[in-house]
N, C-alpha and C. Protein backbone atom coordinates (compact mmCIF):
# COMPACT_ATOMS: atom_id res chain seq x y z
N MET A 1 -62.67 72.51 -43.92
CA MET A 1 -63.08 72.78 -42.96
C MET A 1 -63.91 71.37 -42.19
N ALA A 2 -64.13 71.12 -41.51
CA ALA A 2 -64.67 70.08 -40.61
C ALA A 2 -66.13 70.02 -41.11
N MET A 3 -66.45 68.62 -41.23
CA MET A 3 -68.09 68.35 -41.44
C MET A 3 -68.47 67.37 -40.16
N HIS A 4 -69.37 67.70 -39.57
CA HIS A 4 -70.10 66.09 -38.68
C HIS A 4 -71.70 66.33 -38.86
N LYS A 5 -71.53 65.14 -38.34
CA LYS A 5 -73.05 64.65 -38.55
C LYS A 5 -73.58 64.08 -37.39
N GLY A 6 -74.99 64.38 -36.91
CA GLY A 6 -75.09 63.67 -36.04
C GLY A 6 -76.47 63.51 -36.27
N LYS A 7 -77.33 62.64 -35.21
CA LYS A 7 -78.69 62.14 -35.20
C LYS A 7 -79.33 61.78 -33.85
N CYS A 8 -80.50 61.61 -34.18
CA CYS A 8 -81.40 61.36 -32.75
C CYS A 8 -80.98 59.45 -32.78
N PHE A 9 -82.08 58.99 -31.68
CA PHE A 9 -82.13 57.77 -31.44
C PHE A 9 -82.16 56.82 -32.72
N CYS A 10 -83.34 57.71 -33.25
CA CYS A 10 -83.83 56.34 -34.31
C CYS A 10 -83.15 56.61 -35.65
N GLY A 11 -82.56 57.90 -36.12
CA GLY A 11 -82.07 58.16 -37.18
C GLY A 11 -83.36 59.56 -37.83
N GLU A 12 -84.58 59.30 -37.27
CA GLU A 12 -85.76 60.47 -37.88
C GLU A 12 -84.90 61.85 -38.15
N VAL A 13 -84.09 62.44 -37.33
CA VAL A 13 -83.69 63.42 -37.34
C VAL A 13 -82.33 63.59 -37.45
N GLU A 14 -81.99 64.34 -38.52
CA GLU A 14 -80.39 64.51 -38.79
C GLU A 14 -79.62 65.94 -38.80
N VAL A 15 -78.63 65.92 -37.99
CA VAL A 15 -78.00 67.24 -38.37
C VAL A 15 -76.75 67.38 -38.65
N GLU A 16 -75.96 68.52 -39.51
CA GLU A 16 -75.43 68.49 -40.05
C GLU A 16 -74.08 70.04 -39.41
N ILE A 17 -73.09 69.62 -39.44
CA ILE A 17 -72.23 70.65 -38.63
C ILE A 17 -71.01 71.20 -39.46
N THR A 18 -70.98 72.10 -39.95
CA THR A 18 -69.90 72.77 -40.35
C THR A 18 -68.63 73.38 -39.49
N GLY A 19 -68.05 73.12 -39.38
CA GLY A 19 -66.66 73.52 -38.45
C GLY A 19 -66.57 72.95 -37.22
N ASP A 20 -65.75 73.38 -36.57
CA ASP A 20 -64.84 73.01 -35.31
C ASP A 20 -66.01 73.31 -34.10
N PRO A 21 -66.00 72.70 -32.94
CA PRO A 21 -66.86 73.49 -32.10
C PRO A 21 -66.20 74.60 -31.72
N ILE A 22 -66.79 75.61 -31.00
CA ILE A 22 -66.25 76.98 -30.62
C ILE A 22 -65.64 76.15 -28.98
N ALA A 23 -66.56 75.37 -28.18
CA ALA A 23 -65.92 74.79 -27.30
C ALA A 23 -66.30 73.43 -26.88
N MET A 24 -65.63 72.68 -26.12
CA MET A 24 -66.15 71.34 -25.50
C MET A 24 -66.33 71.33 -23.91
N MET A 25 -67.50 71.38 -23.22
CA MET A 25 -67.27 71.42 -21.79
C MET A 25 -68.12 70.05 -21.07
N VAL A 26 -67.78 69.79 -20.25
CA VAL A 26 -68.59 69.15 -19.16
C VAL A 26 -69.08 69.63 -18.22
N CYS A 27 -71.22 69.84 -18.47
CA CYS A 27 -71.66 70.67 -17.43
C CYS A 27 -72.21 69.10 -16.32
N HIS A 28 -72.16 69.92 -15.02
CA HIS A 28 -72.66 69.36 -13.69
C HIS A 28 -73.98 70.03 -13.71
N CYS A 29 -74.45 70.98 -14.12
CA CYS A 29 -75.41 71.38 -13.68
C CYS A 29 -76.93 70.77 -13.55
N LYS A 30 -77.88 71.24 -12.39
CA LYS A 30 -78.68 69.96 -12.61
C LYS A 30 -80.11 70.10 -13.48
N VAL A 31 -80.12 70.99 -14.03
CA VAL A 31 -80.86 70.75 -15.39
C VAL A 31 -80.35 69.85 -16.39
N CYS A 32 -79.08 70.02 -16.60
CA CYS A 32 -78.37 69.10 -17.80
C CYS A 32 -78.71 67.57 -17.19
N ARG A 33 -78.27 67.52 -15.74
CA ARG A 33 -78.22 66.22 -15.16
C ARG A 33 -80.08 65.90 -15.04
N ALA A 34 -80.81 66.59 -15.17
CA ALA A 34 -82.01 65.88 -15.46
C ALA A 34 -82.82 65.76 -16.75
N TRP A 35 -82.23 66.49 -17.35
CA TRP A 35 -82.90 66.15 -19.02
C TRP A 35 -81.67 65.33 -19.44
N SER A 36 -80.66 65.14 -19.11
CA SER A 36 -79.65 63.73 -20.24
C SER A 36 -80.09 62.75 -19.12
N ALA A 37 -80.81 62.81 -18.00
CA ALA A 37 -80.48 61.57 -16.88
C ALA A 37 -79.12 60.62 -17.06
N ALA A 38 -78.45 61.73 -16.56
CA ALA A 38 -76.97 61.45 -16.35
C ALA A 38 -76.48 62.19 -15.37
N PRO A 39 -75.28 61.80 -14.72
CA PRO A 39 -74.53 62.67 -13.59
C PRO A 39 -74.17 63.82 -14.33
N VAL A 40 -73.78 64.13 -15.71
CA VAL A 40 -73.25 65.10 -16.34
C VAL A 40 -73.16 65.08 -17.84
N ASN A 41 -73.41 66.24 -18.54
CA ASN A 41 -73.74 66.09 -19.92
C ASN A 41 -72.46 66.83 -20.91
N GLY A 42 -72.46 66.15 -22.02
CA GLY A 42 -71.18 66.69 -22.70
C GLY A 42 -71.89 67.73 -23.54
N ALA A 43 -71.40 69.00 -23.80
CA ALA A 43 -71.45 69.90 -24.22
C ALA A 43 -70.72 70.07 -25.29
N THR A 44 -71.03 70.35 -26.51
CA THR A 44 -70.30 70.51 -27.78
C THR A 44 -70.90 71.83 -28.34
N LEU A 45 -70.22 72.81 -28.27
CA LEU A 45 -70.77 74.35 -28.79
C LEU A 45 -70.76 74.85 -29.99
N PHE A 46 -71.43 74.88 -30.72
CA PHE A 46 -71.11 75.30 -32.30
C PHE A 46 -71.71 76.59 -32.43
N LYS A 47 -70.82 77.46 -33.27
CA LYS A 47 -71.91 79.11 -33.76
C LYS A 47 -73.24 78.49 -34.46
N PRO A 48 -74.57 79.17 -34.44
CA PRO A 48 -75.66 78.54 -34.84
C PRO A 48 -75.87 78.63 -36.73
N GLU A 49 -74.98 79.33 -37.08
CA GLU A 49 -74.86 79.41 -38.66
C GLU A 49 -74.38 77.91 -39.21
N ASP A 50 -73.94 77.38 -38.06
CA ASP A 50 -72.87 75.86 -38.61
C ASP A 50 -73.46 74.91 -38.26
N VAL A 51 -74.84 74.97 -37.61
CA VAL A 51 -75.68 73.95 -37.64
C VAL A 51 -77.40 73.82 -38.22
N THR A 52 -76.97 73.01 -38.79
CA THR A 52 -78.49 72.71 -39.61
C THR A 52 -79.15 71.25 -39.38
N VAL A 53 -80.63 71.43 -39.06
CA VAL A 53 -81.38 70.12 -39.45
C VAL A 53 -81.53 69.63 -40.91
N THR A 54 -80.61 68.61 -40.95
CA THR A 54 -81.11 68.29 -42.73
C THR A 54 -82.00 67.19 -42.83
N LYS A 55 -82.33 66.79 -41.76
CA LYS A 55 -83.72 65.75 -41.77
C LYS A 55 -84.77 65.40 -40.58
N GLY A 56 -85.98 65.62 -40.89
CA GLY A 56 -86.62 65.53 -39.74
C GLY A 56 -87.11 66.93 -39.10
N ALA A 57 -86.97 67.82 -39.39
CA ALA A 57 -87.17 69.10 -38.53
C ALA A 57 -88.60 68.75 -38.12
N ASP A 58 -89.64 68.32 -39.08
CA ASP A 58 -90.94 68.12 -38.47
C ASP A 58 -90.99 67.64 -37.31
N SER A 59 -90.05 66.66 -36.88
CA SER A 59 -89.95 65.57 -35.54
C SER A 59 -89.55 66.61 -34.78
N LEU A 60 -88.83 67.23 -34.46
CA LEU A 60 -88.74 67.98 -33.66
C LEU A 60 -89.57 68.54 -32.74
N ARG A 61 -89.17 68.52 -31.21
CA ARG A 61 -89.94 68.85 -30.38
C ARG A 61 -89.20 69.59 -29.37
N SER A 62 -89.61 70.80 -28.57
CA SER A 62 -88.40 71.82 -27.72
C SER A 62 -89.54 71.93 -26.76
N TYR A 63 -88.41 72.09 -25.44
CA TYR A 63 -89.17 72.91 -24.22
C TYR A 63 -88.35 73.85 -23.94
N ALA A 64 -88.45 74.62 -22.99
CA ALA A 64 -87.35 75.80 -22.55
C ALA A 64 -87.92 75.43 -21.03
N GLN A 65 -87.37 74.89 -19.93
CA GLN A 65 -87.62 75.47 -18.65
C GLN A 65 -86.93 76.90 -18.11
N ALA A 66 -86.20 77.27 -18.81
CA ALA A 66 -85.81 78.57 -18.66
C ALA A 66 -85.71 79.53 -20.40
N GLU A 67 -85.90 80.83 -20.24
CA GLU A 67 -85.74 81.11 -21.64
C GLU A 67 -84.51 81.44 -22.20
N GLY A 68 -84.03 80.76 -23.22
CA GLY A 68 -83.45 81.02 -23.82
C GLY A 68 -82.36 79.73 -23.87
N HIS A 69 -83.26 78.48 -23.47
CA HIS A 69 -82.31 77.14 -23.46
C HIS A 69 -83.31 75.99 -23.86
N ASP A 70 -83.62 76.33 -25.09
CA ASP A 70 -84.89 75.30 -25.88
C ASP A 70 -83.83 73.92 -26.31
N ARG A 71 -84.54 73.10 -25.13
CA ARG A 71 -84.17 71.83 -25.64
C ARG A 71 -84.63 70.63 -26.64
N SER A 72 -84.23 70.28 -27.27
CA SER A 72 -84.83 69.78 -28.25
C SER A 72 -84.72 68.38 -28.84
N TRP A 73 -85.59 67.46 -28.94
CA TRP A 73 -85.87 66.25 -29.18
C TRP A 73 -86.74 65.90 -30.26
N CYS A 74 -86.50 64.42 -30.50
CA CYS A 74 -87.12 63.56 -31.86
C CYS A 74 -88.31 63.02 -31.30
N ASP A 75 -89.62 63.59 -31.64
CA ASP A 75 -90.95 63.05 -31.21
C ASP A 75 -90.98 61.73 -31.30
N LYS A 76 -90.36 60.80 -32.69
CA LYS A 76 -90.66 59.56 -32.57
C LYS A 76 -89.63 58.69 -31.53
N CYS A 77 -88.88 58.74 -31.66
CA CYS A 77 -87.96 58.13 -30.57
C CYS A 77 -87.76 58.72 -28.82
N GLY A 78 -87.59 59.93 -28.85
CA GLY A 78 -87.36 60.77 -27.63
C GLY A 78 -86.03 61.06 -27.37
N GLY A 79 -85.28 60.55 -28.90
CA GLY A 79 -83.88 61.13 -28.57
C GLY A 79 -83.50 62.69 -28.48
N HIS A 80 -82.50 63.08 -27.56
CA HIS A 80 -82.20 64.26 -27.52
C HIS A 80 -81.58 64.79 -28.70
N VAL A 81 -81.13 65.50 -28.92
CA VAL A 81 -80.88 66.13 -30.20
C VAL A 81 -79.74 67.27 -30.17
N LEU A 82 -80.11 68.70 -29.24
CA LEU A 82 -79.48 69.66 -29.00
C LEU A 82 -80.33 70.64 -28.27
N THR A 83 -79.51 71.77 -28.14
CA THR A 83 -79.99 72.78 -27.00
C THR A 83 -79.86 74.24 -27.93
N ASP A 84 -80.88 75.11 -28.40
CA ASP A 84 -80.34 75.91 -28.84
C ASP A 84 -80.72 77.12 -27.57
N HIS A 85 -79.24 77.65 -27.32
CA HIS A 85 -78.73 79.20 -26.41
C HIS A 85 -78.56 79.95 -27.33
N ARG A 86 -79.08 80.37 -28.48
CA ARG A 86 -78.51 81.32 -29.11
C ARG A 86 -78.87 82.72 -28.64
N ASP A 87 -80.21 82.53 -27.98
CA ASP A 87 -80.59 84.00 -27.21
C ASP A 87 -80.16 84.13 -26.60
N THR A 88 -79.27 83.20 -25.76
CA THR A 88 -78.37 83.48 -24.52
C THR A 88 -77.17 83.80 -24.63
N TYR A 89 -76.63 82.96 -25.31
CA TYR A 89 -75.49 82.69 -25.29
C TYR A 89 -74.97 82.56 -26.75
N GLY A 90 -75.51 82.60 -27.64
CA GLY A 90 -74.97 82.89 -28.83
C GLY A 90 -74.55 81.55 -29.72
N ILE A 91 -75.09 80.55 -29.44
CA ILE A 91 -74.42 79.19 -29.54
C ILE A 91 -75.33 77.73 -29.43
N ILE A 92 -75.09 76.90 -30.03
CA ILE A 92 -76.00 75.70 -30.21
C ILE A 92 -75.33 74.58 -29.45
N ASP A 93 -75.81 73.87 -28.50
CA ASP A 93 -75.23 72.81 -28.04
C ASP A 93 -75.71 71.64 -28.62
N VAL A 94 -75.02 70.73 -29.49
CA VAL A 94 -75.29 69.47 -29.82
C VAL A 94 -74.89 68.23 -29.33
N TYR A 95 -75.43 67.89 -28.60
CA TYR A 95 -75.22 67.16 -27.57
C TYR A 95 -73.92 66.23 -28.23
N ALA A 96 -72.61 65.79 -27.68
CA ALA A 96 -71.86 65.29 -28.01
C ALA A 96 -71.98 63.70 -28.50
N ALA A 97 -72.97 62.97 -28.09
CA ALA A 97 -73.33 61.79 -27.71
C ALA A 97 -73.90 61.36 -29.08
N VAL A 98 -74.50 62.25 -29.82
CA VAL A 98 -75.18 62.08 -30.82
C VAL A 98 -74.55 62.63 -32.14
N ILE A 99 -73.51 63.13 -32.13
CA ILE A 99 -72.28 63.42 -33.25
C ILE A 99 -71.46 62.03 -33.77
N GLU A 100 -71.98 61.72 -34.82
CA GLU A 100 -71.14 60.57 -35.25
C GLU A 100 -69.73 60.34 -35.31
N ASP A 101 -69.23 59.56 -35.22
CA ASP A 101 -67.73 59.71 -35.45
C ASP A 101 -67.11 60.82 -34.95
N PHE A 102 -66.97 61.44 -33.61
CA PHE A 102 -66.51 62.41 -33.05
C PHE A 102 -65.99 62.16 -31.60
N THR A 103 -64.98 62.81 -31.70
CA THR A 103 -63.92 62.56 -30.30
C THR A 103 -64.13 63.87 -29.60
N PHE A 104 -64.71 63.41 -28.76
CA PHE A 104 -65.11 64.83 -27.81
C PHE A 104 -63.86 65.08 -26.47
N THR A 105 -63.79 66.15 -26.91
CA THR A 105 -62.31 66.50 -25.80
C THR A 105 -62.59 67.55 -24.91
N PRO A 106 -63.54 67.28 -24.32
CA PRO A 106 -63.76 68.91 -23.18
C PRO A 106 -62.31 69.74 -22.45
N THR A 107 -62.51 70.70 -22.55
CA THR A 107 -61.27 71.80 -21.82
C THR A 107 -61.57 71.94 -20.57
N ALA A 108 -63.21 71.84 -20.03
CA ALA A 108 -63.11 72.61 -18.65
C ALA A 108 -64.43 71.73 -18.59
N HIS A 109 -64.90 71.86 -16.99
CA HIS A 109 -66.37 71.40 -16.65
C HIS A 109 -66.48 72.64 -15.78
N VAL A 110 -68.08 72.83 -16.25
CA VAL A 110 -68.71 74.21 -15.87
C VAL A 110 -69.76 73.61 -14.89
N ASN A 111 -70.15 74.99 -14.13
CA ASN A 111 -71.14 74.25 -13.33
C ASN A 111 -71.01 73.49 -12.05
N TYR A 112 -69.39 73.39 -11.86
CA TYR A 112 -69.20 72.29 -10.48
C TYR A 112 -69.21 72.19 -9.24
N GLU A 113 -70.20 73.58 -9.16
CA GLU A 113 -70.60 73.42 -7.56
C GLU A 113 -71.90 72.02 -7.54
N SER A 114 -72.35 71.97 -8.39
CA SER A 114 -73.40 71.50 -8.62
C SER A 114 -73.06 69.98 -8.84
N THR A 115 -72.07 69.40 -9.21
CA THR A 115 -71.91 67.92 -9.25
C THR A 115 -71.95 66.84 -8.11
N VAL A 116 -72.57 65.71 -8.69
CA VAL A 116 -73.11 64.73 -7.63
C VAL A 116 -72.01 63.76 -8.55
N LEU A 117 -70.81 64.00 -9.27
CA LEU A 117 -69.98 63.01 -9.85
C LEU A 117 -68.48 63.67 -9.50
N PRO A 118 -67.56 64.00 -8.92
CA PRO A 118 -66.54 64.68 -8.72
C PRO A 118 -65.74 63.73 -10.06
N VAL A 119 -65.05 64.80 -10.66
CA VAL A 119 -64.32 63.85 -11.65
C VAL A 119 -63.11 64.80 -11.36
N ARG A 120 -61.75 63.59 -11.39
CA ARG A 120 -60.29 63.87 -11.41
C ARG A 120 -59.67 63.72 -12.47
N ASP A 121 -59.82 64.66 -13.20
CA ASP A 121 -58.73 64.72 -14.61
C ASP A 121 -57.99 65.84 -15.10
N GLY A 122 -57.88 67.15 -14.24
CA GLY A 122 -56.97 67.93 -14.50
C GLY A 122 -57.68 68.90 -15.27
N LEU A 123 -58.52 68.87 -15.54
CA LEU A 123 -59.28 70.33 -16.15
C LEU A 123 -59.86 70.92 -15.14
N PRO A 124 -59.87 72.66 -16.11
CA PRO A 124 -60.56 73.24 -15.03
C PRO A 124 -61.85 72.88 -14.16
N LYS A 125 -61.82 73.37 -13.47
CA LYS A 125 -63.34 73.39 -12.92
C LYS A 125 -63.96 74.74 -12.40
N PHE A 126 -65.29 75.08 -13.29
CA PHE A 126 -65.85 76.62 -12.95
C PHE A 126 -66.77 76.28 -12.37
N ARG A 127 -66.99 76.95 -10.60
CA ARG A 127 -67.76 76.77 -10.26
C ARG A 127 -69.47 76.80 -10.77
N ASP A 128 -69.42 78.08 -12.08
CA ASP A 128 -70.83 78.15 -12.68
C ASP A 128 -70.27 78.37 -14.37
N PHE A 129 -70.09 79.38 -14.66
CA PHE A 129 -69.02 79.50 -16.24
C PHE A 129 -67.81 80.35 -16.10
N PRO A 130 -67.16 80.46 -17.37
CA PRO A 130 -66.15 81.07 -17.21
C PRO A 130 -66.66 82.37 -17.50
N ALA A 131 -66.11 83.45 -17.52
CA ALA A 131 -66.59 84.89 -17.18
C ALA A 131 -67.13 85.61 -18.59
N GLU A 132 -66.44 84.87 -19.98
CA GLU A 132 -66.44 84.99 -21.16
C GLU A 132 -68.13 84.93 -21.35
N MET A 133 -68.34 83.79 -20.55
CA MET A 133 -69.86 83.13 -21.05
C MET A 133 -71.05 83.69 -19.73
N GLY A 134 -70.50 85.00 -19.38
CA GLY A 134 -71.29 85.17 -18.12
C GLY A 134 -71.55 85.01 -16.86
N GLY A 135 -70.44 83.83 -16.62
CA GLY A 135 -70.60 83.16 -14.89
C GLY A 135 -69.37 84.64 -14.63
N SER A 136 -69.38 83.76 -13.09
CA SER A 136 -68.08 84.14 -12.44
C SER A 136 -67.17 84.18 -12.41
N GLY A 137 -66.51 83.05 -13.41
CA GLY A 137 -65.41 82.86 -13.51
C GLY A 137 -64.29 82.04 -12.34
N GLU A 138 -64.98 82.00 -11.44
CA GLU A 138 -64.74 81.55 -10.21
C GLU A 138 -63.90 80.22 -10.31
N MET A 139 -62.98 79.48 -10.20
CA MET A 139 -62.48 78.03 -10.18
C MET A 139 -62.60 77.25 -8.75
N MET A 140 -62.52 75.97 -8.89
CA MET A 140 -62.81 75.32 -7.54
C MET A 140 -61.99 73.93 -7.79
N ASP A 141 -61.66 73.22 -6.85
CA ASP A 141 -60.79 72.48 -6.65
C ASP A 141 -61.16 71.22 -7.23
N GLU A 142 -60.37 70.30 -7.84
CA GLU A 142 -61.03 68.84 -7.87
C GLU A 142 -61.26 68.34 -6.84
């Protein structure tokens, strides 16, 4: 079984992930863009029971602009670590950029109707989310 480790920018907070991601997607929504200060966010989704904060849990702070979307960061360096969506989607998004020695290989783009950075990579582009995740399942052209 795969084992992944990740940490915040300064290393105060560390996470350990057992198993492979359920999905890897590129999110284009306005909230992810604002939160990450980037035009897209690399979402790496895991089962909640597979993600453990192994160091610095007392340094994690979180904010939920919308219920069920608890975004957590290190209070020492401000480095983003994860978003807890367990109550909304039954997953935890450990940001791809914080997972060490990890190859991010997304299979789709979500919330593409909100894109500010069109990406022509041949991957499926969902208007919002796949139907299995509670979205419309509607696709968009690149």
